Amino acid sequence: MDNVLNSHLRHRGLYLGLEGLATMVAIGFHGVLLELVQTTTGSQWAEQVSESIELRLTYGVVISALLFLGGAATVRLLVPWIAWLIFARRGDGVHPRVNTTT
């Protein structure tokens, strides 16, 4: 039981650490997103968006963080399917083998 608890706590700590890192990246992602809009469109609207302090500090951060975390959540849903395909192609099956000999 102690081993299960320790592995659960390690998994939870790793997951929360990765989630914190993803959130930090998402908060910085708004600058990349605004730069992308400005370079691709080159219009007056893009310049106004990039120069808008209100959008840059509030709405831009929130929208960009939600877009980034939504993409990260989508990847999180796809990883089990990818792992399943890898195991299925190797012929190991989805479940790990259990050693019944003692």
PDB file of N, CA and C in Angstrom:
ATOM      1  N   MET A   1       0.822  -1.193   0.000  1.00  0.00           N
ATOM      2  CA  MET A   1       0.000   0.000   0.000  1.00  0.00           C
ATOM      3  C   MET A   1       0.866   1.257   0.000  1.00  0.00           C
ATOM      4  N   ASP A   2       1.969   1.177   0.736  1.00  0.00           N
ATOM      5  CA  ASP A   2       2.871   2.322   0.815  1.00  0.00           C
ATOM      6  C   ASP A   2       3.475   2.629  -0.554  1.00  0.00           C
ATOM      7  N   ASN A   3       3.781   1.593  -1.318  1.00  0.00           N
ATOM      8  CA  ASN A   3       4.355   1.771  -2.648  1.00  0.00           C
ATOM      9  C   ASN A   3       3.360   2.441  -3.590  1.00  0.00           C
ATOM     10  N   VAL A   4       2.081   2.059  -3.483  1.00  0.00           N
ATOM     11  CA  VAL A   4       1.044   2.671  -4.317  1.00  0.00           C
ATOM     12  C   VAL A   4       0.893   4.145  -3.965  1.00  0.00           C
ATOM     13  N   LEU A   5       0.912   4.447  -2.671  1.00  0.00           N
ATOM     14  CA  LEU A   5       0.781   5.838  -2.238  1.00  0.00           C
ATOM     15  C   LEU A   5       1.968   6.677  -2.703  1.00  0.00           C
ATOM     16  N   ASN A   6       3.175   6.132  -2.577  1.00  0.00           N
ATOM     17  CA  ASN A   6       4.360   6.870  -3.014  1.00  0.00           C
ATOM     18  C   ASN A   6       4.341   7.122  -4.514  1.00  0.00           C
ATOM     19  N   SER A   7       3.961   6.116  -5.294  1.00  0.00           N
ATOM     20  CA  SER A   7       3.920   6.319  -6.748  1.00  0.00           C
ATOM     21  C   SER A   7       2.828   7.313  -7.117  1.00  0.00           C
ATOM     22  N   HIS A   8       1.711   7.280  -6.395  1.00  0.00           N
ATOM     23  CA  HIS A   8       0.645   8.246  -6.663  1.00  0.00           C
ATOM     24  C   HIS A   8       1.114   9.665  -6.342  1.00  0.00           C
ATOM     25  N   LEU A   9       1.808   9.824  -5.217  1.00  0.00           N
ATOM     26  CA  LEU A   9       2.302  11.151  -4.850  1.00  0.00           C
ATOM     27  C   LEU A   9       3.359  11.649  -5.828  1.00  0.00           C
ATOM     28  N   ARG A  10       4.236  10.756  -6.285  1.00  0.00           N
ATOM     29  CA  ARG A  10       5.229  11.157  -7.292  1.00  0.00           C
ATOM     30  C   ARG A  10       4.539  11.570  -8.585  1.00  0.00           C
ATOM     31  N   HIS A  11       3.544  10.783  -9.004  1.00  0.00           N
ATOM     32  CA  HIS A  11       2.811  11.105 -10.230  1.00  0.00           C
ATOM     33  C   HIS A  11       2.099  12.443 -10.089  1.00  0.00           C
ATOM     34  N   ARG A  12       1.462  12.672  -8.939  1.00  0.00           N
ATOM     35  CA  ARG A  12       0.736  13.921  -8.720  1.00  0.00           C
ATOM     36  C   ARG A  12       1.697  15.111  -8.716  1.00  0.00           C
ATOM     37  N   GLY A  13       2.839  14.956  -8.051  1.00  0.00           N
ATOM     38  CA  GLY A  13       3.822  16.039  -8.021  1.00  0.00           C
ATOM     39  C   GLY A  13       4.368  16.351  -9.401  1.00  0.00           C
ATOM     40  N   LEU A  14       4.670  15.311 -10.170  1.00  0.00           N
ATOM     41  CA  LEU A  14       5.165  15.511 -11.533  1.00  0.00           C
ATOM     42  C   LEU A  14       4.110  16.180 -12.398  1.00  0.00           C
ATOM     43  N   TYR A  15       2.866  15.718 -12.269  1.00  0.00           N
ATOM     44  CA  TYR A  15       1.787  16.285 -13.070  1.00  0.00           C
ATOM     45  C   TYR A  15       1.555  17.756 -12.717  1.00  0.00           C
ATOM     46  N   LEU A  16       1.540  18.088 -11.428  1.00  0.00           N
ATOM     47  CA  LEU A  16       1.344  19.486 -11.039  1.00  0.00           C
ATOM     48  C   LEU A  16       2.516  20.358 -11.473  1.00  0.00           C
ATOM     49  N   GLY A  17       3.728  19.812 -11.426  1.00  0.00           N
ATOM     50  CA  GLY A  17       4.885  20.563 -11.903  1.00  0.00           C
ATOM     51  C   GLY A  17       4.801  20.851 -13.392  1.00  0.00           C
ATOM     52  N   LEU A  18       4.418  19.837 -14.166  1.00  0.00           N
ATOM     53  CA  LEU A  18       4.267  20.037 -15.610  1.00  0.00           C
ATOM     54  C   LEU A  18       3.125  20.998 -15.921  1.00  0.00           C
ATOM     55  N   GLU A  19       2.051  20.929 -15.147  1.00  0.00           N
ATOM     56  CA  GLU A  19       0.935  21.850 -15.347  1.00  0.00           C
ATOM     57  C   GLU A  19       1.356  23.284 -15.034  1.00  0.00           C
ATOM     58  N   GLY A  20       2.147  23.470 -13.994  1.00  0.00           N
ATOM     59  CA  GLY A  20       2.656  24.804 -13.676  1.00  0.00           C
ATOM     60  C   GLY A  20       3.568  25.335 -14.765  1.00  0.00           C
ATOM     61  N   LEU A  21       4.423  24.474 -15.293  1.00  0.00           N
ATOM     62  CA  LEU A  21       5.303  24.867 -16.390  1.00  0.00           C
ATOM     63  C   LEU A  21       4.495  25.230 -17.630  1.00  0.00           C
ATOM     64  N   ALA A  22       3.467  24.431 -17.938  1.00  0.00           N
ATOM     65  CA  ALA A  22       2.615  24.727 -19.094  1.00  0.00           C
ATOM     66  C   ALA A  22       1.876  26.042 -18.903  1.00  0.00           C
ATOM     67  N   THR A  23       1.459  26.337 -17.685  1.00  0.00           N
ATOM     68  CA  THR A  23       0.780  27.606 -17.425  1.00  0.00           C
ATOM     69  C   THR A  23       1.734  28.781 -17.606  1.00  0.00           C
ATOM     70  N   MET A  24       2.974  28.622 -17.156  1.00  0.00           N
ATOM     71  CA  MET A  24       3.956  29.696 -17.352  1.00  0.00           C
ATOM     72  C   MET A  24       4.229  29.926 -18.836  1.00  0.00           C
ATOM     73  N   VAL A  25       4.328  28.852 -19.601  1.00  0.00           N
ATOM     74  CA  VAL A  25       4.537  28.982 -21.044  1.00  0.00           C
ATOM     75  C   VAL A  25       3.318  29.632 -21.688  1.00  0.00           C
ATOM     76  N   ALA A  26       2.124  29.263 -21.219  1.00  0.00           N
ATOM     77  CA  ALA A  26       0.901  29.832 -21.784  1.00  0.00           C
ATOM     78  C   ALA A  26       0.809  31.325 -21.521  1.00  0.00           C
ATOM     79  N   ILE A  27       1.251  31.765 -20.363  1.00  0.00           N
ATOM     80  CA  ILE A  27       1.210  33.196 -20.058  1.00  0.00           C
ATOM     81  C   ILE A  27       2.173  33.960 -20.965  1.00  0.00           C
ATOM     82  N   GLY A  28       3.305  33.372 -21.302  1.00  0.00           N
ATOM     83  CA  GLY A  28       4.246  34.016 -22.211  1.00  0.00           C
ATOM     84  C   GLY A  28       3.887  33.833 -23.674  1.00  0.00           C
ATOM     85  N   PHE A  29       2.918  32.972 -23.957  1.00  0.00           N
ATOM     86  CA  PHE A  29       2.532  32.658 -25.327  1.00  0.00           C
ATOM     87  C   PHE A  29       1.837  33.822 -26.014  1.00  0.00           C
ATOM     88  N   HIS A  30       1.260  34.756 -25.235  1.00  0.00           N
ATOM     89  CA  HIS A  30       0.527  35.857 -25.857  1.00  0.00           C
ATOM     90  C   HIS A  30       1.442  36.740 -26.688  1.00  0.00           C
ATOM     91  N   GLY A  31       2.687  36.912 -26.269  1.00  0.00           N
ATOM     92  CA  GLY A  31       3.628  37.708 -27.061  1.00  0.00           C
ATOM     93  C   GLY A  31       3.917  37.071 -28.404  1.00  0.00           C
ATOM     94  N   VAL A  32       4.062  35.765 -28.405  1.00  0.00           N
ATOM     95  CA  VAL A  32       4.297  35.036 -29.656  1.00  0.00           C
ATOM     96  C   VAL A  32       3.082  35.138 -30.562  1.00  0.00           C
ATOM     97  N   LEU A  33       1.890  34.997 -29.972  1.00  0.00           N
ATOM     98  CA  LEU A  33       0.664  35.062 -30.764  1.00  0.00           C
ATOM     99  C   LEU A  33       0.465  36.446 -31.377  1.00  0.00           C
ATOM    100  N   LEU A  34       0.717  37.510 -30.600  1.00  0.00           N
ATOM    101  CA  LEU A  34       0.575  38.862 -31.137  1.00  0.00           C
ATOM    102  C   LEU A  34       1.611  39.147 -32.219  1.00  0.00           C
ATOM    103  N   GLU A  35       2.825  38.643 -32.039  1.00  0.00           N
ATOM    104  CA  GLU A  35       3.867  38.815 -33.059  1.00  0.00           C
ATOM    105  C   GLU A  35       3.488  38.088 -34.347  1.00  0.00           C
ATOM    106  N   LEU A  36       2.896  36.911 -34.208  1.00  0.00           N
ATOM    107  CA  LEU A  36       2.460  36.142 -35.377  1.00  0.00           C
ATOM    108  C   LEU A  36       1.369  36.881 -36.139  1.00  0.00           C
ATOM    109  N   VAL A  37       0.408  37.453 -35.413  1.00  0.00           N
ATOM    110  CA  VAL A  37      -0.668  38.210 -36.063  1.00  0.00           C
ATOM    111  C   VAL A  37      -0.102  39.429 -36.777  1.00  0.00           C
ATOM    112  N   GLN A  38       0.833  40.109 -36.154  1.00  0.00           N
ATOM    113  CA  GLN A  38       1.389  41.327 -36.748  1.00  0.00           C
ATOM    114  C   GLN A  38       2.203  41.012 -38.003  1.00  0.00           C
ATOM    115  N   THR A  39       2.985  39.941 -37.992  1.00  0.00           N
ATOM    116  CA  THR A  39       3.824  39.642 -39.157  1.00  0.00           C
ATOM    117  C   THR A  39       3.037  39.028 -40.303  1.00  0.00           C
ATOM    118  N   THR A  40       1.997  38.267 -40.006  1.00  0.00           N
ATOM    119  CA  THR A  40       1.262  37.614 -41.092  1.00  0.00           C
ATOM    120  C   THR A  40       0.290  38.547 -41.784  1.00  0.00           C
ATOM    121  N   THR A  41      -0.392  39.406 -41.015  1.00  0.00           N
ATOM    122  CA  THR A  41      -1.377  40.271 -41.663  1.00  0.00           C
ATOM    123  C   THR A  41      -0.773  41.585 -42.119  1.00  0.00           C
ATOM    124  N   GLY A  42       0.029  42.204 -41.273  1.00  0.00           N
ATOM    125  CA  GLY A  42       0.652  43.469 -41.651  1.00  0.00           C
ATOM    126  C   GLY A  42      -0.333  44.606 -41.806  1.00  0.00           C
ATOM    127  N   SER A  43      -1.514  44.472 -41.268  1.00  0.00           N
ATOM    128  CA  SER A  43      -2.527  45.510 -41.432  1.00  0.00           C
ATOM    129  C   SER A  43      -2.507  46.480 -40.252  1.00  0.00           C
ATOM    130  N   GLN A  44      -3.305  47.526 -40.387  1.00  0.00           N
ATOM    131  CA  GLN A  44      -3.398  48.522 -39.324  1.00  0.00           C
ATOM    132  C   GLN A  44      -4.015  47.901 -38.073  1.00  0.00           C
ATOM    133  N   TRP A  45      -4.956  46.980 -38.260  1.00  0.00           N
ATOM    134  CA  TRP A  45      -5.592  46.321 -37.121  1.00  0.00           C
ATOM    135  C   TRP A  45      -4.566  45.545 -36.306  1.00  0.00           C
ATOM    136  N   ALA A  46      -3.655  44.870 -36.984  1.00  0.00           N
ATOM    137  CA  ALA A  46      -2.632  44.091 -36.278  1.00  0.00           C
ATOM    138  C   ALA A  46      -1.723  45.000 -35.462  1.00  0.00           C
ATOM    139  N   GLU A  47      -1.401  46.169 -35.997  1.00  0.00           N
ATOM    140  CA  GLU A  47      -0.567  47.109 -35.247  1.00  0.00           C
ATOM    141  C   GLU A  47      -1.309  47.649 -34.034  1.00  0.00           C
ATOM    142  N   GLN A  48      -2.609  47.925 -34.196  1.00  0.00           N
ATOM    143  CA  GLN A  48      -3.393  48.406 -33.062  1.00  0.00           C
ATOM    144  C   GLN A  48      -3.505  47.340 -31.975  1.00  0.00           C
ATOM    145  N   VAL A  49      -3.656  46.100 -32.391  1.00  0.00           N
ATOM    146  CA  VAL A  49      -3.751  45.008 -31.420  1.00  0.00           C
ATOM    147  C   VAL A  49      -2.443  44.858 -30.662  1.00  0.00           C
ATOM    148  N   SER A  50      -1.340  44.908 -31.374  1.00  0.00           N
ATOM    149  CA  SER A  50      -0.054  44.712 -30.706  1.00  0.00           C
ATOM    150  C   SER A  50       0.316  45.882 -29.807  1.00  0.00           C
ATOM    151  N   GLU A  51      -0.186  47.073 -30.111  1.00  0.00           N
ATOM    152  CA  GLU A  51       0.128  48.244 -29.302  1.00  0.00           C
ATOM    153  C   GLU A  51      -0.861  48.459 -28.164  1.00  0.00           C
ATOM    154  N   SER A  52      -1.951  47.748 -28.163  1.00  0.00           N
ATOM    155  CA  SER A  52      -2.969  47.936 -27.139  1.00  0.00           C
ATOM    156  C   SER A  52      -2.493  47.353 -25.815  1.00  0.00           C
ATOM    157  N   ILE A  53      -2.279  48.218 -24.845  1.00  0.00           N
ATOM    158  CA  ILE A  53      -1.804  47.764 -23.531  1.00  0.00           C
ATOM    159  C   ILE A  53      -2.879  46.947 -22.831  1.00  0.00           C
ATOM    160  N   GLU A  54      -4.131  47.365 -22.973  1.00  0.00           N
ATOM    161  CA  GLU A  54      -5.210  46.643 -22.308  1.00  0.00           C
ATOM    162  C   GLU A  54      -5.315  45.217 -22.839  1.00  0.00           C
ATOM    163  N   LEU A  55      -5.252  45.074 -24.141  1.00  0.00           N
ATOM    164  CA  LEU A  55      -5.337  43.738 -24.724  1.00  0.00           C
ATOM    165  C   LEU A  55      -4.114  42.916 -24.383  1.00  0.00           C
ATOM    166  N   ARG A  56      -2.974  43.541 -24.411  1.00  0.00           N
ATOM    167  CA  ARG A  56      -1.725  42.818 -24.138  1.00  0.00           C
ATOM    168  C   ARG A  56      -1.677  42.316 -22.695  1.00  0.00           C
ATOM    169  N   LEU A  57      -2.148  43.123 -21.757  1.00  0.00           N
ATOM    170  CA  LEU A  57      -2.012  42.762 -20.349  1.00  0.00           C
ATOM    171  C   LEU A  57      -3.186  41.973 -19.788  1.00  0.00           C
ATOM    172  N   THR A  58      -4.358  42.070 -20.399  1.00  0.00           N
ATOM    173  CA  THR A  58      -5.509  41.365 -19.820  1.00  0.00           C
ATOM    174  C   THR A  58      -6.069  40.340 -20.784  1.00  0.00           C
ATOM    175  N   TYR A  59      -6.795  40.796 -21.768  1.00  0.00           N
ATOM    176  CA  TYR A  59      -7.487  39.867 -22.653  1.00  0.00           C
ATOM    177  C   TYR A  59      -6.521  39.010 -23.459  1.00  0.00           C
ATOM    178  N   GLY A  60      -5.435  39.598 -23.912  1.00  0.00           N
ATOM    179  CA  GLY A  60      -4.470  38.836 -24.704  1.00  0.00           C
ATOM    180  C   GLY A  60      -3.858  37.694 -23.928  1.00  0.00           C
ATOM    181  N   VAL A  61      -3.521  37.945 -22.675  1.00  0.00           N
ATOM    182  CA  VAL A  61      -2.930  36.894 -21.847  1.00  0.00           C
ATOM    183  C   VAL A  61      -3.951  35.796 -21.586  1.00  0.00           C
ATOM    184  N   VAL A  62      -5.171  36.188 -21.249  1.00  0.00           N
ATOM    185  CA  VAL A  62      -6.194  35.194 -20.925  1.00  0.00           C
ATOM    186  C   VAL A  62      -6.547  34.357 -22.148  1.00  0.00           C
ATOM    187  N   ILE A  63      -6.777  35.001 -23.278  1.00  0.00           N
ATOM    188  CA  ILE A  63      -7.142  34.272 -24.488  1.00  0.00           C
ATOM    189  C   ILE A  63      -5.998  33.381 -24.945  1.00  0.00           C
ATOM    190  N   SER A  64      -4.795  33.882 -24.938  1.00  0.00           N
ATOM    191  CA  SER A  64      -3.650  33.083 -25.360  1.00  0.00           C
ATOM    192  C   SER A  64      -3.409  31.914 -24.424  1.00  0.00           C
ATOM    193  N   ALA A  65      -3.542  32.151 -23.121  1.00  0.00           N
ATOM    194  CA  ALA A  65      -3.356  31.065 -22.160  1.00  0.00           C
ATOM    195  C   ALA A  65      -4.418  29.994 -22.346  1.00  0.00           C
ATOM    196  N   LEU A  66      -5.656  30.401 -22.589  1.00  0.00           N
ATOM    197  CA  LEU A  66      -6.714  29.416 -22.816  1.00  0.00           C
ATOM    198  C   LEU A  66      -6.483  28.631 -24.098  1.00  0.00           C
ATOM    199  N   LEU A  67      -6.029  29.298 -25.154  1.00  0.00           N
ATOM    200  CA  LEU A  67      -5.720  28.586 -26.394  1.00  0.00           C
ATOM    201  C   LEU A  67      -4.590  27.587 -26.190  1.00  0.00           C
ATOM    202  N   PHE A  68      -3.545  28.005 -25.497  1.00  0.00           N
ATOM    203  CA  PHE A  68      -2.408  27.125 -25.270  1.00  0.00           C
ATOM    204  C   PHE A  68      -2.787  25.942 -24.391  1.00  0.00           C
ATOM    205  N   LEU A  69      -3.481  26.212 -23.286  1.00  0.00           N
ATOM    206  CA  LEU A  69      -3.864  25.125 -22.386  1.00  0.00           C
ATOM    207  C   LEU A  69      -4.905  24.211 -23.022  1.00  0.00           C
ATOM    208  N   GLY A  70      -5.755  24.759 -23.896  1.00  0.00           N
ATOM    209  CA  GLY A  70      -6.686  23.904 -24.636  1.00  0.00           C
ATOM    210  C   GLY A  70      -5.949  22.961 -25.565  1.00  0.00           C
ATOM    211  N   GLY A  71      -4.921  23.473 -26.225  1.00  0.00           N
ATOM    212  CA  GLY A  71      -4.090  22.597 -27.065  1.00  0.00           C
ATOM    213  C   GLY A  71      -3.347  21.564 -26.252  1.00  0.00           C
ATOM    214  N   ALA A  72      -2.840  21.971 -25.084  1.00  0.00           N
ATOM    215  CA  ALA A  72      -2.147  21.013 -24.216  1.00  0.00           C
ATOM    216  C   ALA A  72      -3.102  19.947 -23.705  1.00  0.00           C
ATOM    217  N   ALA A  73      -4.333  20.324 -23.393  1.00  0.00           N
ATOM    218  CA  ALA A  73      -5.320  19.340 -22.944  1.00  0.00           C
ATOM    219  C   ALA A  73      -5.677  18.377 -24.065  1.00  0.00           C
ATOM    220  N   THR A  74      -5.730  18.875 -25.291  1.00  0.00           N
ATOM    221  CA  THR A  74      -6.000  17.994 -26.425  1.00  0.00           C
ATOM    222  C   THR A  74      -4.880  16.988 -26.602  1.00  0.00           C
ATOM    223  N   VAL A  75      -3.653  17.437 -26.464  1.00  0.00           N
ATOM    224  CA  VAL A  75      -2.509  16.522 -26.560  1.00  0.00           C
ATOM    225  C   VAL A  75      -2.563  15.497 -25.436  1.00  0.00           C
ATOM    226  N   ARG A  76      -2.976  15.936 -24.247  1.00  0.00           N
ATOM    227  CA  ARG A  76      -3.075  15.017 -23.110  1.00  0.00           C
ATOM    228  C   ARG A  76      -4.100  13.919 -23.379  1.00  0.00           C
ATOM    229  N   LEU A  77      -5.148  14.233 -24.118  1.00  0.00           N
ATOM    230  CA  LEU A  77      -6.125  13.210 -24.465  1.00  0.00           C
ATOM    231  C   LEU A  77      -5.611  12.277 -25.552  1.00  0.00           C
ATOM    232  N   LEU A  78      -4.723  12.765 -26.418  1.00  0.00           N
ATOM    233  CA  LEU A  78      -4.222  11.944 -27.514  1.00  0.00           C
ATOM    234  C   LEU A  78      -3.100  11.008 -27.099  1.00  0.00           C
ATOM    235  N   VAL A  79      -2.364  11.330 -26.050  1.00  0.00           N
ATOM    236  CA  VAL A  79      -1.212  10.514 -25.649  1.00  0.00           C
ATOM    237  C   VAL A  79      -1.598   9.074 -25.325  1.00  0.00           C
ATOM    238  N   PRO A  80      -2.686   8.798 -24.575  1.00  0.00           N
ATOM    239  CA  PRO A  80      -3.025   7.389 -24.338  1.00  0.00           C
ATOM    240  C   PRO A  80      -3.324   6.621 -25.621  1.00  0.00           C
ATOM    241  N   TRP A  81      -3.933   7.280 -26.587  1.00  0.00           N
ATOM    242  CA  TRP A  81      -4.223   6.595 -27.845  1.00  0.00           C
ATOM    243  C   TRP A  81      -2.935   6.282 -28.592  1.00  0.00           C
ATOM    244  N   ILE A  82      -1.987   7.200 -28.569  1.00  0.00           N
ATOM    245  CA  ILE A  82      -0.709   6.971 -29.239  1.00  0.00           C
ATOM    246  C   ILE A  82       0.040   5.842 -28.554  1.00  0.00           C
ATOM    247  N   ALA A  83       0.035   5.837 -27.219  1.00  0.00           N
ATOM    248  CA  ALA A  83       0.694   4.754 -26.480  1.00  0.00           C
ATOM    249  C   ALA A  83       0.023   3.423 -26.782  1.00  0.00           C
ATOM    250  N   TRP A  84      -1.298   3.416 -26.880  1.00  0.00           N
ATOM    251  CA  TRP A  84      -2.020   2.187 -27.203  1.00  0.00           C
ATOM    252  C   TRP A  84      -1.613   1.674 -28.577  1.00  0.00           C
ATOM    253  N   LEU A  85      -1.484   2.578 -29.547  1.00  0.00           N
ATOM    254  CA  LEU A  85      -1.074   2.155 -30.888  1.00  0.00           C
ATOM    255  C   LEU A  85       0.335   1.582 -30.892  1.00  0.00           C
ATOM    256  N   ILE A  86       1.227   2.172 -30.122  1.00  0.00           N
ATOM    257  CA  ILE A  86       2.602   1.666 -30.053  1.00  0.00           C
ATOM    258  C   ILE A  86       2.614   0.263 -29.473  1.00  0.00           C
ATOM    259  N   PHE A  87       1.884   0.058 -28.369  1.00  0.00           N
ATOM    260  CA  PHE A  87       1.847  -1.271 -27.760  1.00  0.00           C
ATOM    261  C   PHE A  87       1.155  -2.283 -28.664  1.00  0.00           C
ATOM    262  N   ALA A  88       0.119  -1.856 -29.374  1.00  0.00           N
ATOM    263  CA  ALA A  88      -0.595  -2.773 -30.261  1.00  0.00           C
ATOM    264  C   ALA A  88       0.286  -3.201 -31.429  1.00  0.00           C
ATOM    265  N   ARG A  89       1.088  -2.303 -31.956  1.00  0.00           N
ATOM    266  CA  ARG A  89       1.972  -2.661 -33.071  1.00  0.00           C
ATOM    267  C   ARG A  89       3.129  -3.536 -32.627  1.00  0.00           C
ATOM    268  N   ARG A  90       3.557  -3.379 -31.387  1.00  0.00           N
ATOM    269  CA  ARG A  90       4.630  -4.225 -30.866  1.00  0.00           C
ATOM    270  C   ARG A  90       4.132  -5.620 -30.548  1.00  0.00           C
ATOM    271  N   GLY A  91       2.828  -5.772 -30.424  1.00  0.00           N
ATOM    272  CA  GLY A  91       2.260  -7.075 -30.113  1.00  0.00           C
ATOM    273  C   GLY A  91       2.213  -7.374 -28.631  1.00  0.00           C
ATOM    274  N   ASP A  92       2.496  -6.379 -27.796  1.00  0.00           N
ATOM    275  CA  ASP A  92       2.473  -6.596 -26.353  1.00  0.00           C
ATOM    276  C   ASP A  92       1.064  -6.504 -25.784  1.00  0.00           C
ATOM    277  N   GLY A  93       0.145  -5.961 -26.521  1.00  0.00           N
ATOM    278  CA  GLY A  93      -1.187  -5.740 -25.974  1.00  0.00           C
ATOM    279  C   GLY A  93      -1.209  -4.459 -25.167  1.00  0.00           C
ATOM    280  N   VAL A  94      -2.363  -4.141 -24.655  1.00  0.00           N
ATOM    281  CA  VAL A  94      -2.509  -2.905 -23.902  1.00  0.00           C
ATOM    282  C   VAL A  94      -2.080  -3.090 -22.452  1.00  0.00           C
ATOM    283  N   HIS A  95      -2.346  -4.255 -21.886  1.00  0.00           N
ATOM    284  CA  HIS A  95      -2.068  -4.490 -20.475  1.00  0.00           C
ATOM    285  C   HIS A  95      -0.680  -5.079 -20.298  1.00  0.00           C
ATOM    286  N   PRO A  96       0.000  -4.718 -19.226  1.00  0.00           N
ATOM    287  CA  PRO A  96       1.315  -5.311 -18.972  1.00  0.00           C
ATOM    288  C   PRO A  96       1.171  -6.776 -18.575  1.00  0.00           C
ATOM    289  N   ARG A  97       2.194  -7.532 -18.847  1.00  0.00           N
ATOM    290  CA  ARG A  97       2.165  -8.951 -18.504  1.00  0.00           C
ATOM    291  C   ARG A  97       2.405  -9.117 -17.010  1.00  0.00           C
ATOM    292  N   VAL A  98       1.690 -10.072 -16.436  1.00  0.00           N
ATOM    293  CA  VAL A  98       1.805 -10.337 -15.008  1.00  0.00           C
ATOM    294  C   VAL A  98       2.547 -11.649 -14.826  1.00  0.00           C
ATOM    295  N   ASN A  99       3.566 -11.630 -14.005  1.00  0.00           N
ATOM    296  CA  ASN A  99       4.335 -12.833 -13.721  1.00  0.00           C
ATOM    297  C   ASN A  99       3.620 -13.604 -12.619  1.00  0.00           C
ATOM    298  N   THR A 100       3.128 -14.806 -12.939  1.00  0.00           N
ATOM    299  CA  THR A 100       2.363 -15.581 -11.965  1.00  0.00           C
ATOM    300  C   THR A 100       3.224 -16.557 -11.187  1.00  0.00           C
ATOM    301  N   THR A 101       4.477 -16.732 -11.570  1.00  0.00           N
ATOM    302  CA  THR A 101       5.347 -17.648 -10.832  1.00  0.00           C
ATOM    303  C   THR A 101       5.888 -16.958  -9.602  1.00  0.00           C
ATOM    304  N   THR A 102       6.060 -17.717  -8.545  1.00  0.00           N
ATOM    305  CA  THR A 102       6.587 -17.120  -7.312  1.00  0.00           C
ATOM    306  C   THR A 102       7.933 -17.668  -6.956  1.00  0.00           C
TER     307      THR A 102
END
